[in-house]
Each structure stands twice: as C-alpha cells, then as structure tokens.
C-alpha atoms as a PDB file:
ATOM      1  CA  MET A   1       0.000   0.000   0.000  1.00  0.00           C
ATOM      2  CA  THR A   2       1.389   3.419  -0.994  1.00  0.00           C
ATOM      3  CA  GLY A   3      -0.490   5.499   1.550  1.00  0.00           C
ATOM      4  CA  LYS A   4      -1.921   7.767  -1.139  1.00  0.00           C
ATOM      5  CA  ALA A   5      -5.394   9.100  -0.511  1.00  0.00           C
ATOM      6  CA  ARG A   6      -8.108   8.146  -2.966  1.00  0.00           C
ATOM      7  CA  ILE A   7      -9.658  10.989  -4.941  1.00  0.00           C
ATOM      8  CA  SER A   8     -13.402  10.556  -5.296  1.00  0.00           C
ATOM      9  CA  ARG A   9     -15.069  10.848  -8.691  1.00  0.00           C
ATOM     10  CA  HIS A  10     -16.994  13.886  -7.447  1.00  0.00           C
ATOM     11  CA  LEU A  11     -13.830  15.657  -6.239  1.00  0.00           C
ATOM     12  CA  ARG A  12     -11.999  14.838  -9.483  1.00  0.00           C
ATOM     13  CA  GLU A  13     -14.859  16.352 -11.488  1.00  0.00           C
ATOM     14  CA  ARG A  14     -14.830  19.571  -9.403  1.00  0.00           C
ATOM     15  CA  VAL A  15     -11.048  19.873  -9.910  1.00  0.00           C
ATOM     16  CA  ALA A  16     -11.383  19.182 -13.659  1.00  0.00           C
ATOM     17  CA  GLN A  17     -14.122  21.805 -14.008  1.00  0.00           C
ATOM     18  CA  ALA A  18     -12.069  24.399 -12.119  1.00  0.00           C
ATOM     19  CA  ALA A  19      -9.072  23.615 -14.366  1.00  0.00           C
ATOM     20  CA  GLY A  20     -11.186  24.017 -17.484  1.00  0.00           C
ATOM     21  CA  TYR A  21     -10.288  20.405 -18.365  1.00  0.00           C
ATOM     22  CA  CYS A  22      -6.734  21.556 -19.204  1.00  0.00           C
ATOM     23  CA  CYS A  23      -3.322  20.773 -17.756  1.00  0.00           C
ATOM     24  CA  GLY A  24      -2.482  23.421 -15.195  1.00  0.00           C
ATOM     25  CA  TYR A  25       1.132  23.609 -16.380  1.00  0.00           C
ATOM     26  CA  CYS A  26       1.250  23.310 -20.187  1.00  0.00           C
ATOM     27  CA  ARG A  27      -2.444  24.221 -20.701  1.00  0.00           C
ATOM     28  CA  THR A  28      -3.072  21.285 -23.053  1.00  0.00           C
ATOM     29  CA  PRO A  29      -6.810  20.499 -23.156  1.00  0.00           C
ATOM     30  CA  GLU A  30      -7.731  17.048 -21.887  1.00  0.00           C
ATOM     31  CA  ARG A  31      -9.938  16.445 -24.939  1.00  0.00           C
ATOM     32  CA  ILE A  32      -6.979  16.501 -27.337  1.00  0.00           C
ATOM     33  CA  THR A  33      -4.545  14.402 -25.295  1.00  0.00           C
ATOM     34  CA  GLY A  34      -6.392  11.159 -25.981  1.00  0.00           C
ATOM     35  CA  TYR A  35      -6.391  10.190 -22.304  1.00  0.00           C
ATOM     36  CA  ARG A  36      -7.735  11.333 -18.969  1.00  0.00           C
ATOM     37  CA  MET A  37      -5.388  13.679 -17.141  1.00  0.00           C
ATOM     38  CA  THR A  38      -4.102  12.970 -13.666  1.00  0.00           C
ATOM     39  CA  VAL A  39      -5.037  14.931 -10.584  1.00  0.00           C
ATOM     40  CA  ASP A  40      -1.854  16.528  -9.270  1.00  0.00           C
ATOM     41  CA  HIS A  41      -1.161  17.432  -5.659  1.00  0.00           C
ATOM     42  CA  LEU A  42       0.257  20.979  -5.841  1.00  0.00           C
ATOM     43  CA  VAL A  43       2.005  20.328  -2.551  1.00  0.00           C
ATOM     44  CA  PRO A  44       2.910  16.660  -3.059  1.00  0.00           C
ATOM     45  CA  GLU A  45       1.698  14.062  -0.587  1.00  0.00           C
ATOM     46  CA  ALA A  46       5.366  13.191  -0.017  1.00  0.00           C
ATOM     47  CA  ARG A  47       5.772  16.725   1.350  1.00  0.00           C
ATOM     48  CA  ALA A  48       2.685  16.512   3.584  1.00  0.00           C
ATOM     49  CA  GLY A  49       0.292  17.875   0.935  1.00  0.00           C
ATOM     50  CA  LYS A  50      -3.316  16.995   1.635  1.00  0.00           C
ATOM     51  CA  THR A  51      -5.879  15.480  -0.692  1.00  0.00           C
ATOM     52  CA  ILE A  52      -8.220  18.444  -0.535  1.00  0.00           C
ATOM     53  CA  GLU A  53      -9.667  20.460  -3.401  1.00  0.00           C
ATOM     54  CA  ASP A  54      -7.461  23.515  -2.753  1.00  0.00           C
ATOM     55  CA  ASN A  55      -4.332  21.366  -3.186  1.00  0.00           C
ATOM     56  CA  LEU A  56      -5.402  19.565  -6.375  1.00  0.00           C
ATOM     57  CA  TRP A  57      -5.287  20.467 -10.074  1.00  0.00           C
ATOM     58  CA  LEU A  58      -5.272  18.661 -13.410  1.00  0.00           C
ATOM     59  CA  ALA A  59      -1.963  17.766 -15.025  1.00  0.00           C
ATOM     60  CA  CYS A  60      -1.021  15.867 -18.145  1.00  0.00           C
ATOM     61  CA  VAL A  61       1.180  12.833 -17.569  1.00  0.00           C
ATOM     62  CA  ALA A  62       4.312  14.562 -18.927  1.00  0.00           C
ATOM     63  CA  CYS A  63       3.984  17.623 -16.667  1.00  0.00           C
ATOM     64  CA  ASN A  64       2.997  15.538 -13.641  1.00  0.00           C
ATOM     65  CA  GLU A  65       5.991  13.240 -14.091  1.00  0.00           C
ATOM     66  CA  PHE A  66       8.343  16.186 -14.610  1.00  0.00           C
ATOM     67  CA  LYS A  67       7.084  17.946 -11.488  1.00  0.00           C
ATOM     68  CA  GLY A  68       7.151  14.826  -9.340  1.00  0.00           C
ATOM     69  CA  VAL A  69       7.583  15.820  -5.675  1.00  0.00           C
ATOM     70  CA  ARG A  70       9.337  19.072  -6.499  1.00  0.00           C
ATOM     71  CA  MET A  71       7.946  22.436  -5.534  1.00  0.00           C
ATOM     72  CA  GLN A  72      10.931  24.465  -6.764  1.00  0.00           C
ATOM     73  CA  ALA A  73      13.217  24.496  -9.793  1.00  0.00           C
ATOM     74  CA  LEU A  74      16.224  26.413 -11.032  1.00  0.00           C
ATOM     75  CA  ASP A  75      15.366  29.540 -13.018  1.00  0.00           C
ATOM     76  CA  HIS A  76      17.906  29.400 -15.844  1.00  0.00           C
ATOM     77  CA  ALA A  77      17.592  33.142 -16.484  1.00  0.00           C
ATOM     78  CA  THR A  78      18.543  34.188 -12.938  1.00  0.00           C
ATOM     79  CA  GLY A  79      20.262  31.109 -11.526  1.00  0.00           C
ATOM     80  CA  ARG A  80      17.919  31.212  -8.517  1.00  0.00           C
ATOM     81  CA  ARG A  81      15.681  28.491  -7.173  1.00  0.00           C
ATOM     82  CA  VAL A  82      12.046  29.507  -7.598  1.00  0.00           C
ATOM     83  CA  ARG A  83       8.692  27.980  -6.687  1.00  0.00           C
ATOM     84  CA  LEU A  84       6.998  26.131  -9.519  1.00  0.00           C
ATOM     85  CA  PHE A  85       3.903  27.657 -11.071  1.00  0.00           C
ATOM     86  CA  ASN A  86       0.777  27.126  -8.960  1.00  0.00           C
ATOM     87  CA  PRO A  87      -2.311  27.089 -11.215  1.00  0.00           C
ATOM     88  CA  ARG A  88      -4.628  27.620  -8.229  1.00  0.00           C
ATOM     89  CA  LYS A  89      -2.900  30.834  -7.146  1.00  0.00           C
ATOM     90  CA  GLN A  90      -1.257  32.246 -10.286  1.00  0.00           C
ATOM     91  CA  ARG A  91      -2.458  33.133 -13.774  1.00  0.00           C
ATOM     92  CA  TRP A  92      -0.430  31.584 -16.563  1.00  0.00           C
ATOM     93  CA  ASN A  93      -0.410  34.704 -18.780  1.00  0.00           C
ATOM     94  CA  VAL A  94       0.775  36.831 -15.837  1.00  0.00           C
ATOM     95  CA  HIS A  95       3.241  34.248 -14.482  1.00  0.00           C
ATOM     96  CA  SER A  96       5.697  34.675 -17.318  1.00  0.00           C
ATOM     97  CA  ALA A  97       5.448  35.370 -21.009  1.00  0.00           C
ATOM     98  CA  GLY A  98       6.816  32.295 -22.748  1.00  0.00           C
ATOM     99  CA  ALA A  99       7.884  30.541 -19.533  1.00  0.00           C
ATOM    100  CA  ARG A 100       7.847  26.776 -19.331  1.00  0.00           C
ATOM    101  CA  MET A 101       7.741  24.511 -16.333  1.00  0.00           C
ATOM    102  CA  ALA A 102      10.460  22.306 -17.831  1.00  0.00           C
ATOM    103  CA  PRO A 103      14.110  23.401 -17.932  1.00  0.00           C
ATOM    104  CA  ARG A 104      15.507  24.664 -21.212  1.00  0.00           C
ATOM    105  CA  SER A 105      17.326  22.178 -23.348  1.00  0.00           C
ATOM    106  CA  SER A 106      20.924  22.888 -24.200  1.00  0.00           C
ATOM    107  CA  GLY A 107      20.584  22.099 -27.838  1.00  0.00           C
END
C-alpha cells in the first residue's frame, strides 16, 4: 500500500471543471490528449500535501511526471531556485510570457 489518498469521482470532477479540463502547467486540453489527465497534488503528498480540493489540479502525464515531488526548480535566467507555477494561485499569462515549467534544453 502506498499510503496515497483516494480521490473521489466527485472531487476529481470539481477539480477538472475548475481547471477548465486543461493541464495546469502546459495548458493542453484534456480532450486533445487522448487520455484522462491525472489529478496533481500541488504540494505533493510526499511533502505533507493533503488530498483536498485547494491542493489539487489537473496535469497531463508529462507535466505531472516532470514535477514529481518538487515544488521548486532552477530559473535558468537568474540562476535562482524559484517555486513552480501554482495554477490555483497564479495566472499563466501573468506568471511569465513564454515561460515553461520544464528546464531549457541545451541544444
């Protein structure tokens, strides 16, 4: 047993509606991915994040796997560690023009 809390169908639907059925990080709509998106814990369970609506958002598999249990990443422009984008508290278009959750590739 992993210790992960089960997310009810009703709670998942409320989270999906609030997210506009899009990934909170890359903004890809669920309808074009070909699969159901995962419900991401903004503060991961491994870091004492709770399975409550205010801590959940939709994420595509790629973004969810990239984020993992991290809450911070290196900002390549400044060299500083910064908190990852929080789709419940920040607006994507205000967060950063052209920013990506994933690190830049070197080539």
